[in-house]
Amino acid sequence: MAYEIYRKQRRPAKDQAMITVLKGGHFGINRACYEEYFKNFKYAVLFYDVQLGKIGLQPTNEVSDEACTVRPLKSGTLGHISAIGFLKHFGIEHKESRSYATTWNDQEKLVEISLK
């Protein structure tokens, strides 16, 4: 028999905080992540740890040259950050959209995603 079975791909749980690096060069913040980390903030400062392959997003309400606008979507339940320059600067591939689970780094006070 030459047929191969298709196994459904599981989507992350709706309550799992996720950030998607979109192929267009943006960060998509799902509802759980937005509610937990970004709801009360207008900006995020972006960081990259080259050795560990981690992106950090530090929520803030302070306007600065480094701060990127967190744009709420769909009545404030999702978020969006334009990161085209950030991704280009660090050479981070984003030819395909890909979602990553988030973790909170209490020491650095930022949301992390691991690209590895």
Protein backbone atom coordinates (compact mmCIF):
# COMPACT_ATOMS: atom_id res chain seq x y z
CA MET A 1 0.00 0.00 0.00
CA ALA A 2 1.49 3.37 -1.04
CA TYR A 3 -0.83 5.55 1.03
CA GLU A 4 0.50 7.47 4.00
CA ILE A 5 -1.75 8.45 6.86
CA TYR A 6 -2.20 12.13 7.68
CA ARG A 7 -1.86 12.90 11.35
CA LYS A 8 -3.61 16.10 12.40
CA GLN A 9 -1.33 18.84 13.62
CA ARG A 10 -2.29 20.01 17.06
CA ARG A 11 -2.77 23.70 17.52
CA PRO A 12 -1.61 25.27 20.77
CA ALA A 13 -4.22 25.59 23.47
CA LYS A 14 -6.09 28.90 23.39
CA ASP A 15 -4.89 29.66 26.91
CA GLN A 16 -1.20 29.13 26.02
CA ALA A 17 0.64 32.44 25.63
CA MET A 18 2.16 32.52 22.14
CA ILE A 19 3.93 34.98 19.86
CA THR A 20 4.02 34.36 16.12
CA VAL A 21 6.87 35.67 14.00
CA LEU A 22 4.91 36.43 10.85
CA LYS A 23 6.43 36.10 7.40
CA GLY A 24 5.63 39.77 6.76
CA GLY A 25 8.04 40.80 9.53
CA HIS A 26 5.67 41.36 12.44
CA PHE A 27 5.07 39.80 15.82
CA GLY A 28 1.54 38.53 16.35
CA ILE A 29 0.57 38.29 20.01
CA ASN A 30 -2.24 35.87 20.81
CA ARG A 31 -5.02 36.56 23.30
CA ALA A 32 -3.45 34.71 26.24
CA CYS A 33 -0.09 36.44 25.77
CA TYR A 34 -1.64 39.87 25.24
CA GLU A 35 -3.83 39.54 28.34
CA GLU A 36 -0.99 38.26 30.51
CA TYR A 37 1.87 40.54 29.47
CA PHE A 38 0.88 43.42 27.16
CA LYS A 39 -2.70 44.50 27.96
CA ASN A 40 -1.73 47.52 30.07
CA PHE A 41 1.25 48.59 27.96
CA LYS A 42 1.53 50.68 24.81
CA TYR A 43 5.08 49.77 23.81
CA ALA A 44 7.68 47.01 23.89
CA VAL A 45 11.46 47.21 23.70
CA LEU A 46 12.90 44.37 21.61
CA PHE A 47 16.04 42.41 22.49
CA TYR A 48 17.89 39.51 20.89
CA ASP A 49 20.30 37.04 22.51
CA VAL A 50 22.38 35.79 19.59
CA GLN A 51 24.03 32.96 21.54
CA LEU A 52 20.80 31.51 22.91
CA GLY A 53 18.63 32.37 19.91
CA LYS A 54 16.06 34.15 22.11
CA ILE A 55 13.97 37.21 21.42
CA GLY A 56 12.93 39.35 24.38
CA LEU A 57 10.02 41.77 24.42
CA GLN A 58 9.94 44.13 27.38
CA PRO A 59 6.52 45.74 27.90
CA THR A 60 6.66 49.45 28.77
CA ASN A 61 4.63 52.63 28.71
CA GLU A 62 7.70 54.84 28.31
CA VAL A 63 8.22 56.47 24.94
CA SER A 64 11.79 56.08 23.67
CA ASP A 65 13.72 55.63 20.45
CA GLU A 66 13.91 51.88 21.20
CA ALA A 67 10.23 51.38 22.02
CA CYS A 68 8.01 49.72 19.39
CA THR A 69 4.26 50.30 19.45
CA VAL A 70 2.09 47.41 20.61
CA ARG A 71 -1.01 47.72 18.47
CA PRO A 72 -4.10 46.08 19.94
CA LEU A 73 -6.31 44.21 17.47
CA LYS A 74 -9.84 42.82 17.64
CA SER A 75 -11.22 44.92 20.48
CA GLY A 76 -8.00 44.76 22.47
CA THR A 77 -7.71 40.99 22.78
CA LEU A 78 -4.76 40.47 20.41
CA GLY A 79 -1.59 42.44 19.76
CA HIS A 80 0.70 43.25 16.88
CA ILE A 81 4.24 44.68 16.76
CA SER A 82 6.01 45.72 13.57
CA ALA A 83 9.46 44.11 13.73
CA ILE A 84 10.73 44.27 10.14
CA GLY A 85 13.81 46.33 11.00
CA PHE A 86 14.55 44.22 14.09
CA LEU A 87 14.39 40.95 12.15
CA LYS A 88 16.55 42.33 9.32
CA HIS A 89 19.12 43.81 11.73
CA PHE A 90 19.69 40.47 13.45
CA GLY A 91 19.27 38.34 10.31
CA ILE A 92 16.35 36.40 11.78
CA GLU A 93 14.64 34.32 9.10
CA HIS A 94 10.91 34.85 8.71
CA LYS A 95 10.07 33.34 5.32
CA GLU A 96 7.26 31.39 6.97
CA SER A 97 5.07 32.37 9.90
CA ARG A 98 5.92 30.39 13.02
CA SER A 99 4.46 30.42 16.52
CA TYR A 100 6.47 30.17 19.72
CA ALA A 101 5.47 29.59 23.32
CA THR A 102 6.40 32.45 25.61
CA THR A 103 8.03 32.51 29.00
CA TRP A 104 8.44 35.36 31.45
CA ASN A 105 12.02 36.22 32.43
CA ASP A 106 11.60 37.71 35.90
CA GLN A 107 15.24 38.76 36.16
CA GLU A 108 15.18 40.80 32.92
CA LYS A 109 11.45 41.70 33.21
CA LEU A 110 10.62 40.61 29.67
CA VAL A 111 8.70 38.06 27.64
CA GLU A 112 10.96 35.54 25.88
CA ILE A 113 10.59 33.30 22.88
CA SER A 114 13.23 30.77 21.90
CA LEU A 115 13.84 30.40 18.18
CA LYS A 116 15.59 27.06 18.71
